[in-house]
Amino acid sequence: MTRRFDLFVPGIALIVSASLLATGCSTTAETAPEAKAADPLAVSTVAVESRSIDRYLRVTGSLMADAQAEVSAETAGRVVETPVERGTRVAQGALLIRISPSETSAQLQEAEANAAQIEAKLGLVAGQPFDKTRVPDVMNAKASLDLADAEFNRMKSLVDQKVISQSEFDQRRTQLEAARQKYQSEQNLADQSYRSLEGARARVALARKAVADTSVRAPLTGLVAERLVSVGDYVTRGARVATVVRIDPLRVELTVPEQHVSLIKVGQQVRLTVDAYPGEEFAATIKFVSPSLRSDQRALTVEAIAANADARLKPGFFATALVRQPDAAPALLVPSSAVETVAGTSRVYVVKNNRIEERIVTLGEKLEPKIEIASGLTKDDVVASEPKGRLSDGQQVTTR
């Protein structure tokens, strides 16, 4: 009896479970509502616009000072004055440092005294050219020559008349010849003295330059980038004392890849952007195009000039340059909101026959609020203006 009961109980449980399962299925089938098809999604559309746009070649480069001068001392001495600091704006000729002029001033006085002594000997008058016949010693020799010549002529008539002896006449002739030689000698000495005067004047000029060189001045208008000496320092001839840079205008050295070389011309306008001023653009003009490519980069070096009157741009800034290109084929434009970009892939959704066609596109120039589609669309396409992640390929839609 025990074995039969054990077999009977599991059988009852199996029958009850089957009955409950059948009952549950019947109830679910009876209570589920009838499925309804989803309504088409309403979307806004916009036609692709085809028109000409300004195209730009994007290249990069660095800003450089228009000119930079490493200023050195041209005379040795002790620094006694430094009126400028780093960042000081200076005009051409402004004083950068001053060196003690004591020694050079004494040398100038000596040179001027020597020159004045020779001028006095030559009897020179300021503003008059040199004339050796007006030199006092030459004039004295000329007077002696004239007197000897007159005496000789008088003695010549007397010797013809047998009034004086031949020996006395010969003596007067010798005196005349000596006077003539003296006169010639004085003229030669006058020439030599004048050449000495020229040398003395040259030494005066050198001494004056040495005095002037004690004031080291800015060779150009710009900013003091460095001042390398202080009061009390002793500098030698040729020692660098300061650096002056001109930053208005600035030069922009750009690197253009080989494949774009044909698009670059002197005189083209350039729009510059720098990280220091996000969203701002600065104007520049191409002034130089290298005649050859750099072999290490296979790229062309181009220089543009940018005005910098307010000194906001600084040498060393990294710059992105937009170089305007000649007119090309019309661009295809859609609203920026019509483009979805996920993981670097851009898509637009074309609406055709009330269905969505998903297109992978390549983007071009940004012309907010629109953007250029470089590939993936045609000018006759119509796209969803604001997909917002709701659309997929093949989806049924209605337009509004």
Protein backbone atom coordinates (compact mmCIF):
# COMPACT_ATOMS: atom_id res chain seq x y z
CA MET A 1 0.00 0.00 0.00
CA THR A 2 2.87 2.38 0.73
CA ARG A 3 4.37 2.04 -2.72
CA ARG A 4 1.10 2.76 -4.52
CA PHE A 5 0.54 5.93 -2.47
CA ASP A 6 4.04 7.21 -3.34
CA LEU A 7 3.32 6.87 -7.04
CA PHE A 8 -0.11 8.46 -6.78
CA VAL A 9 0.97 11.73 -5.13
CA PRO A 10 3.45 12.85 -7.86
CA GLY A 11 0.89 12.10 -10.51
CA ILE A 12 -1.65 14.32 -8.84
CA ALA A 13 0.90 17.16 -8.64
CA LEU A 14 1.70 16.89 -12.35
CA ILE A 15 -1.98 17.02 -13.30
CA VAL A 16 -2.58 20.11 -11.12
CA SER A 17 0.42 21.96 -12.60
CA ALA A 18 -0.72 21.29 -16.16
CA SER A 19 -4.18 22.52 -15.32
CA LEU A 20 -2.86 25.79 -13.84
CA LEU A 21 -0.61 26.41 -16.85
CA ALA A 22 -3.45 25.96 -19.27
CA THR A 23 -5.65 28.26 -17.26
CA GLY A 24 -2.96 31.00 -17.16
CA CYS A 25 -2.38 30.89 -20.91
CA SER A 26 -6.04 31.14 -21.59
CA THR A 27 -6.36 34.18 -19.36
CA THR A 28 -3.37 35.99 -20.97
CA ALA A 29 -4.68 35.45 -24.46
CA GLU A 30 -8.05 36.75 -23.48
CA THR A 31 -6.79 39.89 -21.66
CA ALA A 32 -3.95 41.15 -24.11
CA PRO A 33 -5.07 44.22 -26.13
CA GLU A 34 -4.91 44.13 -29.89
CA ALA A 35 -1.51 45.40 -31.19
CA LYS A 36 -1.55 48.67 -33.16
CA ALA A 37 0.94 49.80 -35.87
CA ALA A 38 3.16 52.86 -34.87
CA ASP A 39 2.28 56.19 -36.54
CA PRO A 40 4.95 57.74 -38.91
CA LEU A 41 7.19 60.30 -37.18
CA ALA A 42 6.69 63.92 -38.26
CA VAL A 43 9.97 65.66 -39.14
CA SER A 44 10.97 69.11 -40.36
CA THR A 45 12.93 69.17 -43.61
CA VAL A 46 15.13 71.60 -45.48
CA ALA A 47 16.46 71.55 -49.04
CA VAL A 48 20.19 71.37 -49.65
CA GLU A 49 21.48 74.84 -50.61
CA SER A 50 23.98 75.18 -53.46
CA ARG A 51 26.00 78.44 -53.65
CA SER A 52 29.51 79.81 -53.88
CA ILE A 53 31.40 80.34 -50.62
CA ASP A 54 34.78 81.69 -49.56
CA ARG A 55 37.18 78.80 -49.23
CA TYR A 56 40.29 78.86 -47.08
CA LEU A 57 43.43 76.80 -46.90
CA ARG A 58 44.34 76.14 -43.25
CA VAL A 59 48.05 76.22 -42.46
CA THR A 60 49.98 76.72 -39.25
CA GLY A 61 53.04 78.72 -38.24
CA SER A 62 54.60 81.00 -35.66
CA LEU A 63 54.71 84.74 -35.08
CA MET A 64 58.10 86.44 -35.23
CA ALA A 65 59.35 89.95 -34.58
CA ASP A 66 59.65 92.05 -37.73
CA ALA A 67 63.20 92.97 -36.68
CA GLN A 68 65.45 92.11 -33.75
CA ALA A 69 68.69 93.83 -32.82
CA GLU A 70 71.30 92.47 -30.43
CA VAL A 71 72.81 95.77 -29.24
CA SER A 72 76.49 95.73 -28.24
CA ALA A 73 78.85 98.29 -26.68
CA GLU A 74 81.26 99.87 -29.15
CA THR A 75 83.63 101.13 -26.49
CA ALA A 76 84.89 99.74 -23.20
CA GLY A 77 84.10 101.32 -19.85
CA ARG A 78 82.06 101.34 -16.68
CA VAL A 79 78.26 101.50 -16.96
CA VAL A 80 76.95 104.62 -15.21
CA GLU A 81 73.30 104.75 -16.34
CA THR A 82 70.58 102.26 -17.42
CA PRO A 83 67.33 104.18 -18.05
CA VAL A 84 65.38 101.25 -19.59
CA GLU A 85 63.94 97.98 -18.30
CA ARG A 86 62.53 94.90 -20.00
CA GLY A 87 59.37 95.79 -21.87
CA THR A 88 60.23 99.50 -22.18
CA ARG A 89 58.97 100.94 -25.46
CA VAL A 90 61.77 102.91 -27.12
CA ALA A 91 62.09 105.05 -30.23
CA GLN A 92 65.01 104.77 -32.61
CA GLY A 93 67.98 106.57 -31.05
CA ALA A 94 66.69 106.35 -27.46
CA LEU A 95 69.33 105.84 -24.75
CA LEU A 96 69.67 102.24 -23.56
CA ILE A 97 72.79 102.48 -21.37
CA ARG A 98 75.51 105.06 -20.74
CA ILE A 99 79.21 104.27 -20.23
CA SER A 100 81.54 106.61 -18.33
CA PRO A 101 82.91 109.17 -20.88
CA SER A 102 85.89 110.37 -18.79
CA GLU A 103 88.66 108.71 -20.79
CA THR A 104 87.13 109.25 -24.21
CA SER A 105 86.42 112.93 -23.46
CA ALA A 106 90.09 113.49 -22.58
CA GLN A 107 91.17 111.81 -25.79
CA LEU A 108 88.83 114.07 -27.73
CA GLN A 109 90.26 117.20 -26.13
CA GLU A 110 93.80 116.10 -27.00
CA ALA A 111 92.86 115.38 -30.62
CA GLU A 112 91.09 118.72 -30.99
CA ALA A 113 94.12 120.57 -29.56
CA ASN A 114 96.50 118.92 -32.03
CA ALA A 115 94.24 119.76 -34.94
CA ALA A 116 93.87 123.35 -33.79
CA GLN A 117 97.66 123.73 -33.53
CA ILE A 118 98.17 122.65 -37.14
CA GLU A 119 95.32 124.88 -38.35
CA ALA A 120 96.95 127.86 -36.66
CA LYS A 121 100.30 127.08 -38.26
CA LEU A 122 98.67 126.94 -41.67
CA GLY A 123 96.69 130.12 -41.02
CA LEU A 124 93.40 128.43 -41.89
CA VAL A 125 90.18 130.36 -41.45
CA ALA A 126 86.99 128.44 -40.68
CA GLY A 127 84.88 127.99 -43.77
CA GLN A 128 87.67 128.74 -46.26
CA PRO A 129 89.32 126.05 -48.41
CA PHE A 130 93.02 125.28 -48.03
CA ASP A 131 95.33 127.45 -50.24
CA LYS A 132 99.02 126.82 -49.68
CA THR A 133 99.96 130.18 -51.20
CA ARG A 134 98.25 131.83 -48.23
CA VAL A 135 100.20 129.92 -45.62
CA PRO A 136 102.34 132.46 -43.65
CA ASP A 137 105.67 130.65 -44.15
CA VAL A 138 104.96 130.29 -47.85
CA MET A 139 104.05 133.96 -48.13
CA ASN A 140 107.33 134.94 -46.38
CA ALA A 141 109.32 132.75 -48.73
CA LYS A 142 107.51 134.29 -51.70
CA ALA A 143 108.38 137.79 -50.48
CA SER A 144 112.05 136.81 -50.14
CA LEU A 145 111.98 135.34 -53.62
CA ASP A 146 110.48 138.51 -55.09
CA LEU A 147 113.13 140.64 -53.36
CA ALA A 148 115.97 138.41 -54.56
CA ASP A 149 114.60 138.48 -58.08
CA ALA A 150 114.41 142.27 -58.06
CA GLU A 151 117.99 142.53 -56.76
CA PHE A 152 119.19 140.11 -59.39
CA ASN A 153 117.57 142.06 -62.21
CA ARG A 154 119.10 145.29 -60.90
CA MET A 155 122.53 143.68 -60.62
CA LYS A 156 122.21 142.30 -64.14
CA SER A 157 121.94 145.78 -65.61
CA LEU A 158 124.88 146.96 -63.50
CA VAL A 159 127.13 144.11 -64.55
CA ASP A 160 126.36 144.91 -68.19
CA GLN A 161 127.53 148.43 -67.51
CA LYS A 162 130.66 147.16 -65.82
CA VAL A 163 129.63 148.89 -62.58
CA ILE A 164 129.87 145.75 -60.45
CA SER A 165 132.09 142.79 -60.73
CA GLN A 166 131.06 139.45 -62.15
CA SER A 167 131.61 137.78 -58.77
CA GLU A 168 129.15 140.13 -57.07
CA PHE A 169 126.62 139.42 -59.81
CA ASP A 170 127.09 135.68 -59.37
CA GLN A 171 126.49 136.11 -55.66
CA ARG A 172 123.12 137.78 -56.31
CA ARG A 173 122.19 134.99 -58.75
CA THR A 174 122.97 132.40 -56.08
CA GLN A 175 120.81 134.27 -53.58
CA LEU A 176 117.95 134.31 -56.09
CA GLU A 177 118.20 130.55 -56.62
CA ALA A 178 118.29 129.97 -52.85
CA ALA A 179 115.14 132.08 -52.41
CA ARG A 180 113.40 130.12 -55.15
CA GLN A 181 114.32 126.82 -53.48
CA LYS A 182 113.13 128.15 -50.12
CA TYR A 183 109.82 129.13 -51.63
CA GLN A 184 109.36 125.66 -53.17
CA SER A 185 110.32 124.01 -49.90
CA GLU A 186 107.80 126.04 -47.91
CA GLN A 187 105.03 125.05 -50.32
CA ASN A 188 105.95 121.39 -49.87
CA LEU A 189 105.95 121.82 -46.08
CA ALA A 190 102.52 123.46 -46.31
CA ASP A 191 101.19 120.44 -48.22
CA GLN A 192 102.66 118.10 -45.62
CA SER A 193 101.18 120.11 -42.79
CA TYR A 194 97.77 120.00 -44.43
CA ARG A 195 98.00 116.20 -44.73
CA SER A 196 98.92 116.12 -41.04
CA LEU A 197 95.88 118.27 -40.35
CA GLU A 198 93.66 115.79 -42.20
CA GLY A 199 95.06 113.01 -40.00
CA ALA A 200 94.48 115.10 -36.88
CA ARG A 201 90.91 115.81 -37.96
CA ALA A 202 90.37 112.09 -38.52
CA ARG A 203 91.59 111.43 -34.98
CA VAL A 204 89.18 114.12 -33.75
CA ALA A 205 86.34 112.33 -35.56
CA LEU A 206 87.33 108.99 -34.00
CA ALA A 207 87.54 110.58 -30.57
CA ARG A 208 84.10 112.16 -31.02
CA LYS A 209 82.68 108.81 -32.08
CA ALA A 210 84.24 107.20 -29.01
CA VAL A 211 82.52 109.79 -26.84
CA ALA A 212 79.22 109.23 -28.66
CA ASP A 213 79.65 105.47 -28.29
CA THR A 214 79.53 105.83 -24.52
CA SER A 215 75.78 106.37 -25.05
CA VAL A 216 74.42 103.07 -26.38
CA ARG A 217 71.21 103.83 -28.26
CA ALA A 218 68.34 101.86 -29.75
CA PRO A 219 68.93 101.09 -33.44
CA LEU A 220 65.19 100.79 -34.14
CA THR A 221 61.79 101.62 -32.69
CA GLY A 222 60.41 98.76 -30.63
CA LEU A 223 60.47 97.11 -27.22
CA VAL A 224 63.40 96.24 -24.98
CA ALA A 225 63.32 92.44 -24.78
CA GLU A 226 66.45 92.15 -22.62
CA ARG A 227 68.80 94.40 -20.70
CA LEU A 228 71.95 92.47 -19.83
CA VAL A 229 73.98 94.99 -17.77
CA SER A 230 73.48 97.12 -14.68
CA VAL A 231 75.06 100.26 -13.25
CA GLY A 232 78.62 99.49 -12.13
CA ASP A 233 79.25 96.69 -14.63
CA TYR A 234 82.38 96.98 -16.77
CA VAL A 235 81.75 96.23 -20.42
CA THR A 236 84.25 95.52 -23.15
CA ARG A 237 84.03 96.51 -26.79
CA GLY A 238 81.56 94.19 -28.53
CA ALA A 239 79.83 92.99 -25.34
CA ARG A 240 76.06 92.54 -25.78
CA VAL A 241 74.13 94.90 -23.52
CA ALA A 242 70.50 94.76 -24.68
CA THR A 243 68.04 93.29 -27.19
CA VAL A 244 65.47 95.44 -28.97
CA VAL A 245 62.64 93.96 -31.06
CA ARG A 246 60.15 95.56 -33.43
CA ILE A 247 56.74 93.91 -33.13
CA ASP A 248 54.65 96.25 -35.26
CA PRO A 249 54.22 94.76 -37.72
CA LEU A 250 54.82 91.10 -36.93
CA ARG A 251 55.99 88.44 -39.35
CA VAL A 252 54.11 85.15 -39.57
CA GLU A 253 56.17 82.21 -40.82
CA LEU A 254 53.79 79.60 -42.27
CA THR A 255 54.43 76.08 -43.49
CA VAL A 256 52.44 75.09 -46.58
CA PRO A 257 52.30 71.39 -47.61
CA GLU A 258 53.66 70.57 -51.04
CA GLN A 259 50.26 69.67 -52.51
CA HIS A 260 48.92 73.18 -51.79
CA VAL A 261 51.88 75.19 -53.08
CA SER A 262 50.06 76.24 -56.27
CA LEU A 263 47.36 77.96 -54.17
CA ILE A 264 49.74 80.45 -52.52
CA LYS A 265 50.51 83.84 -54.09
CA VAL A 266 52.15 87.04 -52.85
CA GLY A 267 49.50 89.59 -51.87
CA GLN A 268 46.89 87.08 -50.71
CA GLN A 269 44.93 88.01 -47.61
CA VAL A 270 45.30 85.84 -44.51
CA ARG A 271 43.10 85.50 -41.43
CA LEU A 272 45.02 84.54 -38.29
CA THR A 273 43.80 82.92 -35.10
CA VAL A 274 45.85 82.34 -31.94
CA ASP A 275 45.07 80.37 -28.81
CA ALA A 276 45.56 83.44 -26.62
CA TYR A 277 42.44 85.11 -28.10
CA PRO A 278 39.81 82.44 -28.84
CA GLY A 279 37.22 83.47 -31.41
CA GLU A 280 39.20 86.50 -32.64
CA GLU A 281 40.78 86.89 -36.06
CA PHE A 282 43.69 89.10 -37.12
CA ALA A 283 44.40 90.27 -40.67
CA ALA A 284 47.69 89.63 -42.49
CA THR A 285 49.02 89.74 -46.05
CA ILE A 286 51.45 87.32 -47.70
CA LYS A 287 54.67 89.19 -48.56
CA PHE A 288 57.15 86.41 -49.27
CA VAL A 289 56.96 82.95 -50.85
CA SER A 290 60.12 80.85 -50.68
CA PRO A 291 61.49 79.87 -54.10
CA SER A 292 62.11 76.30 -52.91
CA LEU A 293 60.65 73.69 -50.58
CA ARG A 294 62.30 72.57 -47.36
CA SER A 295 63.67 69.12 -48.08
CA ASP A 296 63.21 67.88 -44.51
CA GLN A 297 59.46 68.63 -44.51
CA ARG A 298 58.52 68.72 -48.21
CA ALA A 299 56.82 72.00 -47.42
CA LEU A 300 57.00 75.62 -48.54
CA THR A 301 57.93 78.46 -46.21
CA VAL A 302 55.68 81.52 -46.55
CA GLU A 303 55.85 84.83 -44.67
CA ALA A 304 52.91 87.11 -44.01
CA ILE A 305 52.87 90.55 -42.39
CA ALA A 306 50.33 91.38 -39.66
CA ALA A 307 49.71 94.83 -38.17
CA ASN A 308 50.17 94.88 -34.39
CA ALA A 309 49.74 98.48 -33.25
CA ASP A 310 48.18 97.44 -29.93
CA ALA A 311 50.94 94.86 -29.28
CA ARG A 312 48.41 92.16 -28.41
CA LEU A 313 50.17 89.63 -30.61
CA LYS A 314 53.49 88.39 -29.27
CA PRO A 315 56.49 86.85 -31.04
CA GLY A 316 56.43 83.11 -30.48
CA PHE A 317 52.63 82.70 -30.58
CA PHE A 318 51.48 79.62 -32.50
CA ALA A 319 49.07 80.72 -35.21
CA THR A 320 46.57 79.10 -37.55
CA ALA A 321 46.21 80.93 -40.84
CA LEU A 322 43.26 80.81 -43.21
CA VAL A 323 44.37 81.68 -46.74
CA ARG A 324 41.50 82.60 -49.05
CA GLN A 325 41.40 80.48 -52.19
CA PRO A 326 40.19 81.35 -55.71
CA ASP A 327 36.51 80.77 -56.51
CA ALA A 328 35.69 77.10 -57.09
CA ALA A 329 32.57 74.95 -57.64
CA PRO A 330 29.46 75.90 -55.60
CA ALA A 331 29.23 74.35 -52.14
CA LEU A 332 26.38 72.23 -50.79
CA LEU A 333 25.13 73.65 -47.48
CA VAL A 334 22.79 72.33 -44.80
CA PRO A 335 21.97 73.62 -41.31
CA SER A 336 24.52 72.53 -38.72
CA SER A 337 21.62 71.03 -36.74
CA ALA A 338 20.97 68.59 -39.63
CA VAL A 339 24.31 66.85 -39.05
CA GLU A 340 24.82 64.22 -36.37
CA THR A 341 28.40 63.32 -35.52
CA VAL A 342 29.09 60.23 -33.42
CA ALA A 343 32.58 58.83 -32.79
CA GLY A 344 34.01 61.05 -35.53
CA THR A 345 31.50 59.92 -38.19
CA SER A 346 29.04 62.51 -39.51
CA ARG A 347 25.57 61.64 -40.84
CA VAL A 348 22.60 63.38 -42.34
CA TYR A 349 19.15 61.93 -42.94
CA VAL A 350 17.74 62.37 -46.42
CA VAL A 351 13.94 62.30 -46.71
CA LYS A 352 12.82 60.58 -49.91
CA ASN A 353 9.31 59.23 -50.57
CA ASN A 354 8.49 59.67 -46.87
CA ARG A 355 11.32 57.39 -45.82
CA ILE A 356 14.67 58.08 -44.23
CA GLU A 357 17.95 57.42 -46.04
CA GLU A 358 20.91 57.62 -43.73
CA ARG A 359 23.97 59.15 -45.46
CA ILE A 360 27.57 59.21 -44.24
CA VAL A 361 28.98 62.62 -45.22
CA THR A 362 32.27 64.53 -45.26
CA LEU A 363 32.14 68.01 -43.78
CA GLY A 364 33.76 71.10 -45.30
CA GLU A 365 33.73 74.79 -44.33
CA LYS A 366 31.72 75.92 -41.30
CA LEU A 367 29.51 78.90 -42.11
CA GLU A 368 27.29 79.12 -39.05
CA PRO A 369 24.45 78.45 -38.85
CA LYS A 370 25.21 76.27 -41.87
CA ILE A 371 27.94 73.83 -42.77
CA GLU A 372 29.32 72.61 -46.08
CA ILE A 373 28.83 68.97 -47.07
CA ALA A 374 31.88 68.06 -49.12
CA SER A 375 30.60 64.59 -50.11
CA GLY A 376 27.57 62.41 -49.51
CA LEU A 377 24.77 64.68 -50.79
CA THR A 378 23.49 66.15 -54.04
CA LYS A 379 22.00 69.58 -54.62
CA ASP A 380 18.53 68.03 -55.14
CA ASP A 381 18.38 66.26 -51.76
CA VAL A 382 16.07 67.20 -48.89
CA VAL A 383 17.25 66.45 -45.36
CA ALA A 384 15.77 66.33 -41.88
CA SER A 385 16.69 69.65 -40.27
CA GLU A 386 16.78 68.41 -36.65
CA PRO A 387 17.15 64.61 -36.37
CA LYS A 388 18.13 64.72 -32.67
CA GLY A 389 18.92 61.01 -32.57
CA ARG A 390 15.35 59.95 -33.39
CA LEU A 391 15.85 58.78 -36.98
CA SER A 392 17.22 55.61 -38.56
CA ASP A 393 17.66 54.26 -42.05
CA GLY A 394 14.37 53.12 -43.66
CA GLN A 395 12.14 54.76 -41.05
CA GLN A 396 8.68 55.93 -42.24
CA VAL A 397 8.14 59.67 -41.67
CA THR A 398 5.87 62.52 -42.58
CA THR A 399 7.11 66.03 -43.39
CA ARG A 400 5.90 69.31 -41.99
